[in-house]
mmCIF file of all heavy atoms, coordinates in Angstrom:
data_MODEL
# 
_entry.id   MODEL 
# 
loop_
_atom_site.group_PDB 
_atom_site.id 
_atom_site.type_symbol 
_atom_site.label_atom_id 
_atom_site.label_alt_id 
_atom_site.label_comp_id 
_atom_site.label_asym_id 
_atom_site.label_entity_id 
_atom_site.label_seq_id 
_atom_site.pdbx_PDB_ins_code 
_atom_site.Cartn_x 
_atom_site.Cartn_y 
_atom_site.Cartn_z 
_atom_site.occupancy 
_atom_site.B_iso_or_equiv 
_atom_site.pdbx_formal_charge 
_atom_site.auth_seq_id 
_atom_site.auth_comp_id 
_atom_site.auth_asym_id 
_atom_site.auth_atom_id 
_atom_site.pdbx_PDB_model_num 
ATOM 1   N N   . PRO A 1 1  ? 78.056 80.386 128.953 1.00 0.00 ? 1  PRO A N   1 
ATOM 2   C CA  . PRO A 1 1  ? 79.245 80.688 129.773 1.00 0.00 ? 1  PRO A CA  1 
ATOM 3   C C   . PRO A 1 1  ? 80.177 81.706 129.117 1.00 0.00 ? 1  PRO A C   1 
ATOM 4   O O   . PRO A 1 1  ? 80.784 82.528 129.811 1.00 0.00 ? 1  PRO A O   1 
ATOM 5   C CB  . PRO A 1 1  ? 79.917 79.325 129.933 1.00 0.00 ? 1  PRO A CB  1 
ATOM 6   C CG  . PRO A 1 1  ? 78.788 78.340 129.832 1.00 0.00 ? 1  PRO A CG  1 
ATOM 7   C CD  . PRO A 1 1  ? 77.878 78.928 128.785 1.00 0.00 ? 1  PRO A CD  1 
ATOM 8   N N   . ASP A 1 2  ? 80.297 81.660 127.783 1.00 0.00 ? 2  ASP A N   1 
ATOM 9   C CA  . ASP A 1 2  ? 81.127 82.637 127.068 1.00 0.00 ? 2  ASP A CA  1 
ATOM 10  C C   . ASP A 1 2  ? 80.380 83.947 126.847 1.00 0.00 ? 2  ASP A C   1 
ATOM 11  O O   . ASP A 1 2  ? 80.994 85.013 126.808 1.00 0.00 ? 2  ASP A O   1 
ATOM 12  C CB  . ASP A 1 2  ? 81.558 82.065 125.713 1.00 0.00 ? 2  ASP A CB  1 
ATOM 13  C CG  . ASP A 1 2  ? 82.473 80.857 125.859 1.00 0.00 ? 2  ASP A CG  1 
ATOM 14  O OD1 . ASP A 1 2  ? 83.285 80.847 126.807 1.00 0.00 ? 2  ASP A OD1 1 
ATOM 15  O OD2 . ASP A 1 2  ? 82.369 79.944 125.029 1.00 0.00 ? 2  ASP A OD2 1 
ATOM 16  N N   . ARG A 1 3  ? 79.077 83.858 126.694 1.00 0.00 ? 3  ARG A N   1 
ATOM 17  C CA  . ARG A 1 3  ? 78.260 85.057 126.452 1.00 0.00 ? 3  ARG A CA  1 
ATOM 18  C C   . ARG A 1 3  ? 78.099 85.886 127.733 1.00 0.00 ? 3  ARG A C   1 
ATOM 19  O O   . ARG A 1 3  ? 78.053 87.111 127.686 1.00 0.00 ? 3  ARG A O   1 
ATOM 20  C CB  . ARG A 1 3  ? 76.894 84.615 125.907 1.00 0.00 ? 3  ARG A CB  1 
ATOM 21  C CG  . ARG A 1 3  ? 76.025 85.736 125.371 1.00 0.00 ? 3  ARG A CG  1 
ATOM 22  C CD  . ARG A 1 3  ? 74.769 85.172 124.716 1.00 0.00 ? 3  ARG A CD  1 
ATOM 23  N NE  . ARG A 1 3  ? 75.066 84.507 123.455 1.00 0.00 ? 3  ARG A NE  1 
ATOM 24  C CZ  . ARG A 1 3  ? 74.995 83.190 123.253 1.00 0.00 ? 3  ARG A CZ  1 
ATOM 25  N NH1 . ARG A 1 3  ? 74.620 82.377 124.236 1.00 0.00 ? 3  ARG A NH1 1 
ATOM 26  N NH2 . ARG A 1 3  ? 75.284 82.671 122.066 1.00 0.00 ? 3  ARG A NH2 1 
ATOM 27  N N   . PHE A 1 4  ? 77.998 85.207 128.862 1.00 0.00 ? 4  PHE A N   1 
ATOM 28  C CA  . PHE A 1 4  ? 77.771 85.872 130.147 1.00 0.00 ? 4  PHE A CA  1 
ATOM 29  C C   . PHE A 1 4  ? 78.825 85.444 131.173 1.00 0.00 ? 4  PHE A C   1 
ATOM 30  O O   . PHE A 1 4  ? 78.501 84.825 132.199 1.00 0.00 ? 4  PHE A O   1 
ATOM 31  C CB  . PHE A 1 4  ? 76.369 85.533 130.673 1.00 0.00 ? 4  PHE A CB  1 
ATOM 32  C CG  . PHE A 1 4  ? 75.253 85.815 129.703 1.00 0.00 ? 4  PHE A CG  1 
ATOM 33  C CD1 . PHE A 1 4  ? 74.436 84.792 129.228 1.00 0.00 ? 4  PHE A CD1 1 
ATOM 34  C CD2 . PHE A 1 4  ? 75.002 87.107 129.260 1.00 0.00 ? 4  PHE A CD2 1 
ATOM 35  C CE1 . PHE A 1 4  ? 73.390 85.051 128.351 1.00 0.00 ? 4  PHE A CE1 1 
ATOM 36  C CE2 . PHE A 1 4  ? 73.961 87.379 128.376 1.00 0.00 ? 4  PHE A CE2 1 
ATOM 37  C CZ  . PHE A 1 4  ? 73.157 86.351 127.919 1.00 0.00 ? 4  PHE A CZ  1 
ATOM 38  N N   . PRO A 1 5  ? 80.089 85.768 130.947 1.00 0.00 ? 5  PRO A N   1 
ATOM 39  C CA  . PRO A 1 5  ? 81.146 85.285 131.856 1.00 0.00 ? 5  PRO A CA  1 
ATOM 40  C C   . PRO A 1 5  ? 81.071 85.895 133.253 1.00 0.00 ? 5  PRO A C   1 
ATOM 41  O O   . PRO A 1 5  ? 81.625 85.333 134.203 1.00 0.00 ? 5  PRO A O   1 
ATOM 42  C CB  . PRO A 1 5  ? 82.434 85.714 131.141 1.00 0.00 ? 5  PRO A CB  1 
ATOM 43  C CG  . PRO A 1 5  ? 82.034 86.916 130.328 1.00 0.00 ? 5  PRO A CG  1 
ATOM 44  C CD  . PRO A 1 5  ? 80.638 86.604 129.861 1.00 0.00 ? 5  PRO A CD  1 
ATOM 45  N N   . GLY A 1 6  ? 80.376 87.028 133.396 1.00 0.00 ? 6  GLY A N   1 
ATOM 46  C CA  . GLY A 1 6  ? 80.308 87.691 134.691 1.00 0.00 ? 6  GLY A CA  1 
ATOM 47  C C   . GLY A 1 6  ? 79.445 86.977 135.710 1.00 0.00 ? 6  GLY A C   1 
ATOM 48  O O   . GLY A 1 6  ? 79.594 87.202 136.924 1.00 0.00 ? 6  GLY A O   1 
ATOM 49  N N   . LEU A 1 7  ? 78.560 86.100 135.258 1.00 0.00 ? 7  LEU A N   1 
ATOM 50  C CA  . LEU A 1 7  ? 77.620 85.459 136.182 1.00 0.00 ? 7  LEU A CA  1 
ATOM 51  C C   . LEU A 1 7  ? 78.337 84.637 137.249 1.00 0.00 ? 7  LEU A C   1 
ATOM 52  O O   . LEU A 1 7  ? 77.985 84.671 138.429 1.00 0.00 ? 7  LEU A O   1 
ATOM 53  C CB  . LEU A 1 7  ? 76.637 84.592 135.400 1.00 0.00 ? 7  LEU A CB  1 
ATOM 54  C CG  . LEU A 1 7  ? 75.539 83.899 136.211 1.00 0.00 ? 7  LEU A CG  1 
ATOM 55  C CD1 . LEU A 1 7  ? 74.701 84.915 136.985 1.00 0.00 ? 7  LEU A CD1 1 
ATOM 56  C CD2 . LEU A 1 7  ? 74.639 83.068 135.296 1.00 0.00 ? 7  LEU A CD2 1 
ATOM 57  N N   . LYS A 1 8  ? 79.374 83.922 136.850 1.00 0.00 ? 8  LYS A N   1 
ATOM 58  C CA  . LYS A 1 8  ? 80.068 83.044 137.806 1.00 0.00 ? 8  LYS A CA  1 
ATOM 59  C C   . LYS A 1 8  ? 80.809 83.829 138.882 1.00 0.00 ? 8  LYS A C   1 
ATOM 60  O O   . LYS A 1 8  ? 81.193 83.261 139.928 1.00 0.00 ? 8  LYS A O   1 
ATOM 61  C CB  . LYS A 1 8  ? 81.051 82.142 137.066 1.00 0.00 ? 8  LYS A CB  1 
ATOM 62  C CG  . LYS A 1 8  ? 82.207 82.861 136.389 1.00 0.00 ? 8  LYS A CG  1 
ATOM 63  C CD  . LYS A 1 8  ? 83.136 81.870 135.714 1.00 0.00 ? 8  LYS A CD  1 
ATOM 64  C CE  . LYS A 1 8  ? 84.323 82.560 135.030 1.00 0.00 ? 8  LYS A CE  1 
ATOM 65  N NZ  . LYS A 1 8  ? 83.894 83.403 133.876 1.00 0.00 ? 8  LYS A NZ  1 
ATOM 66  N N   . LEU A 1 9  ? 81.009 85.142 138.666 1.00 0.00 ? 9  LEU A N   1 
ATOM 67  C CA  . LEU A 1 9  ? 81.703 85.949 139.668 1.00 0.00 ? 9  LEU A CA  1 
ATOM 68  C C   . LEU A 1 9  ? 80.924 86.034 140.976 1.00 0.00 ? 9  LEU A C   1 
ATOM 69  O O   . LEU A 1 9  ? 81.504 86.308 142.028 1.00 0.00 ? 9  LEU A O   1 
ATOM 70  C CB  . LEU A 1 9  ? 81.966 87.356 139.126 1.00 0.00 ? 9  LEU A CB  1 
ATOM 71  C CG  . LEU A 1 9  ? 82.903 87.446 137.911 1.00 0.00 ? 9  LEU A CG  1 
ATOM 72  C CD1 . LEU A 1 9  ? 83.041 88.893 137.457 1.00 0.00 ? 9  LEU A CD1 1 
ATOM 73  C CD2 . LEU A 1 9  ? 84.268 86.850 138.228 1.00 0.00 ? 9  LEU A CD2 1 
ATOM 74  N N   . ALA A 1 10 ? 79.615 85.803 140.915 1.00 0.00 ? 10 ALA A N   1 
ATOM 75  C CA  . ALA A 1 10 ? 78.807 85.836 142.140 1.00 0.00 ? 10 ALA A CA  1 
ATOM 76  C C   . ALA A 1 10 ? 79.275 84.771 143.119 1.00 0.00 ? 10 ALA A C   1 
ATOM 77  O O   . ALA A 1 10 ? 79.576 85.059 144.286 1.00 0.00 ? 10 ALA A O   1 
ATOM 78  C CB  . ALA A 1 10 ? 77.332 85.633 141.802 1.00 0.00 ? 10 ALA A CB  1 
ATOM 79  N N   . TRP A 1 11 ? 79.354 83.528 142.671 1.00 0.00 ? 11 TRP A N   1 
ATOM 80  C CA  . TRP A 1 11 ? 79.739 82.428 143.555 1.00 0.00 ? 11 TRP A CA  1 
ATOM 81  C C   . TRP A 1 11 ? 81.209 82.555 143.959 1.00 0.00 ? 11 TRP A C   1 
ATOM 82  O O   . TRP A 1 11 ? 81.560 82.256 145.094 1.00 0.00 ? 11 TRP A O   1 
ATOM 83  C CB  . TRP A 1 11 ? 79.470 81.092 142.869 1.00 0.00 ? 11 TRP A CB  1 
ATOM 84  C CG  . TRP A 1 11 ? 78.016 80.784 142.759 1.00 0.00 ? 11 TRP A CG  1 
ATOM 85  C CD1 . TRP A 1 11 ? 77.233 80.144 143.685 1.00 0.00 ? 11 TRP A CD1 1 
ATOM 86  C CD2 . TRP A 1 11 ? 77.143 81.124 141.674 1.00 0.00 ? 11 TRP A CD2 1 
ATOM 87  N NE1 . TRP A 1 11 ? 75.940 80.057 143.237 1.00 0.00 ? 11 TRP A NE1 1 
ATOM 88  C CE2 . TRP A 1 11 ? 75.847 80.639 142.005 1.00 0.00 ? 11 TRP A CE2 1 
ATOM 89  C CE3 . TRP A 1 11 ? 77.321 81.762 140.457 1.00 0.00 ? 11 TRP A CE3 1 
ATOM 90  C CZ2 . TRP A 1 11 ? 74.749 80.792 141.159 1.00 0.00 ? 11 TRP A CZ2 1 
ATOM 91  C CZ3 . TRP A 1 11 ? 76.221 81.927 139.610 1.00 0.00 ? 11 TRP A CZ3 1 
ATOM 92  C CH2 . TRP A 1 11 ? 74.955 81.446 139.970 1.00 0.00 ? 11 TRP A CH2 1 
ATOM 93  N N   . GLN A 1 12 ? 82.049 83.029 143.039 1.00 0.00 ? 12 GLN A N   1 
ATOM 94  C CA  . GLN A 1 12 ? 83.457 83.217 143.377 1.00 0.00 ? 12 GLN A CA  1 
ATOM 95  C C   . GLN A 1 12 ? 83.622 84.272 144.469 1.00 0.00 ? 12 GLN A C   1 
ATOM 96  O O   . GLN A 1 12 ? 84.397 84.094 145.413 1.00 0.00 ? 12 GLN A O   1 
ATOM 97  C CB  . GLN A 1 12 ? 84.244 83.622 142.124 1.00 0.00 ? 12 GLN A CB  1 
ATOM 98  C CG  . GLN A 1 12 ? 84.346 82.534 141.077 1.00 0.00 ? 12 GLN A CG  1 
ATOM 99  C CD  . GLN A 1 12 ? 85.049 82.994 139.812 1.00 0.00 ? 12 GLN A CD  1 
ATOM 100 O OE1 . GLN A 1 12 ? 85.585 84.099 139.749 1.00 0.00 ? 12 GLN A OE1 1 
ATOM 101 N NE2 . GLN A 1 12 ? 85.036 82.161 138.777 1.00 0.00 ? 12 GLN A NE2 1 
ATOM 102 N N   . SER A 1 13 ? 82.866 85.370 144.373 1.00 0.00 ? 13 SER A N   1 
ATOM 103 C CA  . SER A 1 13 ? 82.972 86.452 145.348 1.00 0.00 ? 13 SER A CA  1 
ATOM 104 C C   . SER A 1 13 ? 82.427 86.034 146.700 1.00 0.00 ? 13 SER A C   1 
ATOM 105 O O   . SER A 1 13 ? 82.977 86.400 147.745 1.00 0.00 ? 13 SER A O   1 
ATOM 106 C CB  . SER A 1 13 ? 82.234 87.692 144.843 1.00 0.00 ? 13 SER A CB  1 
ATOM 107 O OG  . SER A 1 13 ? 82.833 88.190 143.655 1.00 0.00 ? 13 SER A OG  1 
ATOM 108 N N   . LEU A 1 14 ? 81.341 85.271 146.698 1.00 0.00 ? 14 LEU A N   1 
ATOM 109 C CA  . LEU A 1 14 ? 80.767 84.800 147.964 1.00 0.00 ? 14 LEU A CA  1 
ATOM 110 C C   . LEU A 1 14 ? 81.698 83.830 148.680 1.00 0.00 ? 14 LEU A C   1 
ATOM 111 O O   . LEU A 1 14 ? 81.653 83.710 149.914 1.00 0.00 ? 14 LEU A O   1 
ATOM 112 C CB  . LEU A 1 14 ? 79.411 84.131 147.710 1.00 0.00 ? 14 LEU A CB  1 
ATOM 113 C CG  . LEU A 1 14 ? 78.244 85.078 147.413 1.00 0.00 ? 14 LEU A CG  1 
ATOM 114 C CD1 . LEU A 1 14 ? 77.037 84.302 146.905 1.00 0.00 ? 14 LEU A CD1 1 
ATOM 115 C CD2 . LEU A 1 14 ? 77.868 85.884 148.657 1.00 0.00 ? 14 LEU A CD2 1 
ATOM 116 N N   . SER A 1 15 ? 82.538 83.140 147.928 1.00 0.00 ? 15 SER A N   1 
ATOM 117 C CA  . SER A 1 15 ? 83.465 82.173 148.520 1.00 0.00 ? 15 SER A CA  1 
ATOM 118 C C   . SER A 1 15 ? 84.798 82.807 148.894 1.00 0.00 ? 15 SER A C   1 
ATOM 119 O O   . SER A 1 15 ? 85.629 82.159 149.536 1.00 0.00 ? 15 SER A O   1 
ATOM 120 C CB  . SER A 1 15 ? 83.709 81.015 147.539 1.00 0.00 ? 15 SER A CB  1 
ATOM 121 O OG  . SER A 1 15 ? 82.498 80.362 147.218 1.00 0.00 ? 15 SER A OG  1 
ATOM 122 N N   . ALA A 1 16 ? 85.012 84.060 148.509 1.00 0.00 ? 16 ALA A N   1 
ATOM 123 C CA  . ALA A 1 16 ? 86.280 84.742 148.763 1.00 0.00 ? 16 ALA A CA  1 
ATOM 124 C C   . ALA A 1 16 ? 86.219 85.513 150.084 1.00 0.00 ? 16 ALA A C   1 
ATOM 125 O O   . ALA A 1 16 ? 85.259 85.396 150.854 1.00 0.00 ? 16 ALA A O   1 
ATOM 126 C CB  . ALA A 1 16 ? 86.607 85.674 147.598 1.00 0.00 ? 16 ALA A CB  1 
ATOM 127 N N   . ALA A 1 17 ? 87.227 86.337 150.340 1.00 0.00 ? 17 ALA A N   1 
ATOM 128 C CA  . ALA A 1 17 ? 87.319 87.101 151.587 1.00 0.00 ? 17 ALA A CA  1 
ATOM 129 C C   . ALA A 1 17 ? 86.143 88.055 151.732 1.00 0.00 ? 17 ALA A C   1 
ATOM 130 O O   . ALA A 1 17 ? 85.588 88.549 150.736 1.00 0.00 ? 17 ALA A O   1 
ATOM 131 C CB  . ALA A 1 17 ? 88.627 87.886 151.610 1.00 0.00 ? 17 ALA A CB  1 
ATOM 132 N N   . SER A 1 18 ? 85.746 88.307 152.978 1.00 0.00 ? 18 SER A N   1 
ATOM 133 C CA  . SER A 1 18 ? 84.666 89.249 153.257 1.00 0.00 ? 18 SER A CA  1 
ATOM 134 C C   . SER A 1 18 ? 84.994 90.607 152.643 1.00 0.00 ? 18 SER A C   1 
ATOM 135 O O   . SER A 1 18 ? 86.101 91.118 152.796 1.00 0.00 ? 18 SER A O   1 
ATOM 136 C CB  . SER A 1 18 ? 84.481 89.387 154.771 1.00 0.00 ? 18 SER A CB  1 
ATOM 137 O OG  . SER A 1 18 ? 83.515 90.366 155.079 1.00 0.00 ? 18 SER A OG  1 
ATOM 138 N N   . GLY A 1 19 ? 84.041 91.173 151.942 1.00 0.00 ? 19 GLY A N   1 
ATOM 139 C CA  . GLY A 1 19 ? 84.246 92.451 151.262 1.00 0.00 ? 19 GLY A CA  1 
ATOM 140 C C   . GLY A 1 19 ? 84.450 92.311 149.769 1.00 0.00 ? 19 GLY A C   1 
ATOM 141 O O   . GLY A 1 19 ? 84.377 93.302 149.032 1.00 0.00 ? 19 GLY A O   1 
ATOM 142 N N   . THR A 1 20 ? 84.688 91.089 149.299 1.00 0.00 ? 20 THR A N   1 
ATOM 143 C CA  . THR A 1 20 ? 84.932 90.875 147.872 1.00 0.00 ? 20 THR A CA  1 
ATOM 144 C C   . THR A 1 20 ? 83.716 91.258 147.035 1.00 0.00 ? 20 THR A C   1 
ATOM 145 O O   . THR A 1 20 ? 83.848 91.790 145.925 1.00 0.00 ? 20 THR A O   1 
ATOM 146 C CB  . THR A 1 20 ? 85.328 89.416 147.608 1.00 0.00 ? 20 THR A CB  1 
ATOM 147 O OG1 . THR A 1 20 ? 86.507 89.100 148.351 1.00 0.00 ? 20 THR A OG1 1 
ATOM 148 C CG2 . THR A 1 20 ? 85.596 89.179 146.123 1.00 0.00 ? 20 THR A CG2 1 
ATOM 149 N N   . CYS A 1 21 ? 82.520 91.008 147.553 1.00 0.00 ? 21 CYS A N   1 
ATOM 150 C CA  . CYS A 1 21 ? 81.305 91.378 146.812 1.00 0.00 ? 21 CYS A CA  1 
ATOM 151 C C   . CYS A 1 21 ? 81.215 92.892 146.630 1.00 0.00 ? 21 CYS A C   1 
ATOM 152 O O   . CYS A 1 21 ? 80.737 93.369 145.597 1.00 0.00 ? 21 CYS A O   1 
ATOM 153 C CB  . CYS A 1 21 ? 80.065 90.859 147.538 1.00 0.00 ? 21 CYS A CB  1 
ATOM 154 S SG  . CYS A 1 21 ? 79.965 89.053 147.636 1.00 0.00 ? 21 CYS A SG  1 
ATOM 155 N N   . ALA A 1 22 ? 81.687 93.643 147.625 1.00 0.00 ? 22 ALA A N   1 
ATOM 156 C CA  . ALA A 1 22 ? 81.702 95.105 147.514 1.00 0.00 ? 22 ALA A CA  1 
ATOM 157 C C   . ALA A 1 22 ? 82.675 95.547 146.431 1.00 0.00 ? 22 ALA A C   1 
ATOM 158 O O   . ALA A 1 22 ? 82.408 96.508 145.695 1.00 0.00 ? 22 ALA A O   1 
ATOM 159 C CB  . ALA A 1 22 ? 82.072 95.732 148.857 1.00 0.00 ? 22 ALA A CB  1 
ATOM 160 N N   . VAL A 1 23 ? 83.801 94.873 146.323 1.00 0.00 ? 23 VAL A N   1 
ATOM 161 C CA  . VAL A 1 23 ? 84.781 95.173 145.274 1.00 0.00 ? 23 VAL A CA  1 
ATOM 162 C C   . VAL A 1 23 ? 84.163 94.935 143.898 1.00 0.00 ? 23 VAL A C   1 
ATOM 163 O O   . VAL A 1 23 ? 84.287 95.756 142.980 1.00 0.00 ? 23 VAL A O   1 
ATOM 164 C CB  . VAL A 1 23 ? 86.053 94.316 145.446 1.00 0.00 ? 23 VAL A CB  1 
ATOM 165 C CG1 . VAL A 1 23 ? 87.038 94.588 144.310 1.00 0.00 ? 23 VAL A CG1 1 
ATOM 166 C CG2 . VAL A 1 23 ? 86.707 94.589 146.793 1.00 0.00 ? 23 VAL A CG2 1 
ATOM 167 N N   . LEU A 1 24 ? 83.493 93.801 143.749 1.00 0.00 ? 24 LEU A N   1 
ATOM 168 C CA  . LEU A 1 24 ? 82.850 93.462 142.477 1.00 0.00 ? 24 LEU A CA  1 
ATOM 169 C C   . LEU A 1 24 ? 81.811 94.511 142.092 1.00 0.00 ? 24 LEU A C   1 
ATOM 170 O O   . LEU A 1 24 ? 81.752 94.954 140.936 1.00 0.00 ? 24 LEU A O   1 
ATOM 171 C CB  . LEU A 1 24 ? 82.193 92.083 142.576 1.00 0.00 ? 24 LEU A CB  1 
ATOM 172 C CG  . LEU A 1 24 ? 81.362 91.639 141.372 1.00 0.00 ? 24 LEU A CG  1 
ATOM 173 C CD1 . LEU A 1 24 ? 82.215 91.562 140.116 1.00 0.00 ? 24 LEU A CD1 1 
ATOM 174 C CD2 . LEU A 1 24 ? 80.684 90.296 141.650 1.00 0.00 ? 24 LEU A CD2 1 
ATOM 175 N N   . ASN A 1 25 ? 80.993 94.917 143.048 1.00 0.00 ? 25 ASN A N   1 
ATOM 176 C CA  . ASN A 1 25 ? 79.958 95.906 142.759 1.00 0.00 ? 25 ASN A CA  1 
ATOM 177 C C   . ASN A 1 25 ? 80.561 97.230 142.303 1.00 0.00 ? 25 ASN A C   1 
ATOM 178 O O   . ASN A 1 25 ? 80.114 97.821 141.316 1.00 0.00 ? 25 ASN A O   1 
ATOM 179 C CB  . ASN A 1 25 ? 79.094 96.139 143.996 1.00 0.00 ? 25 ASN A CB  1 
ATOM 180 C CG  . ASN A 1 25 ? 78.027 97.178 143.761 1.00 0.00 ? 25 ASN A CG  1 
ATOM 181 O OD1 . ASN A 1 25 ? 77.009 96.917 143.133 1.00 0.00 ? 25 ASN A OD1 1 
ATOM 182 N ND2 . ASN A 1 25 ? 78.248 98.391 144.247 1.00 0.00 ? 25 ASN A ND2 1 
ATOM 183 N N   . ALA A 1 26 ? 81.591 97.698 143.005 1.00 0.00 ? 26 ALA A N   1 
ATOM 184 C CA  . ALA A 1 26 ? 82.229 98.964 142.645 1.00 0.00 ? 26 ALA A CA  1 
ATOM 185 C C   . ALA A 1 26 ? 82.855 98.884 141.261 1.00 0.00 ? 26 ALA A C   1 
ATOM 186 O O   . ALA A 1 26 ? 82.715 99.806 140.444 1.00 0.00 ? 26 ALA A O   1 
ATOM 187 C CB  . ALA A 1 26 ? 83.286 99.328 143.686 1.00 0.00 ? 26 ALA A CB  1 
ATOM 188 N N   . ALA A 1 27 ? 83.554 97.798 140.992 1.00 0.00 ? 27 ALA A N   1 
ATOM 189 C CA  . ALA A 1 27 ? 84.184 97.626 139.680 1.00 0.00 ? 27 ALA A CA  1 
ATOM 190 C C   . ALA A 1 27 ? 83.148 97.649 138.570 1.00 0.00 ? 27 ALA A C   1 
ATOM 191 O O   . ALA A 1 27 ? 83.336 98.300 137.527 1.00 0.00 ? 27 ALA A O   1 
ATOM 192 C CB  . ALA A 1 27 ? 84.969 96.312 139.656 1.00 0.00 ? 27 ALA A CB  1 
# 
């Protein structure tokens, strides 16, 4: 979890507002 903190962003983005996954990808 500390070595790969970005992994959990997948589930967080899928649960957030539509378009959040696009924001994550661009960032």
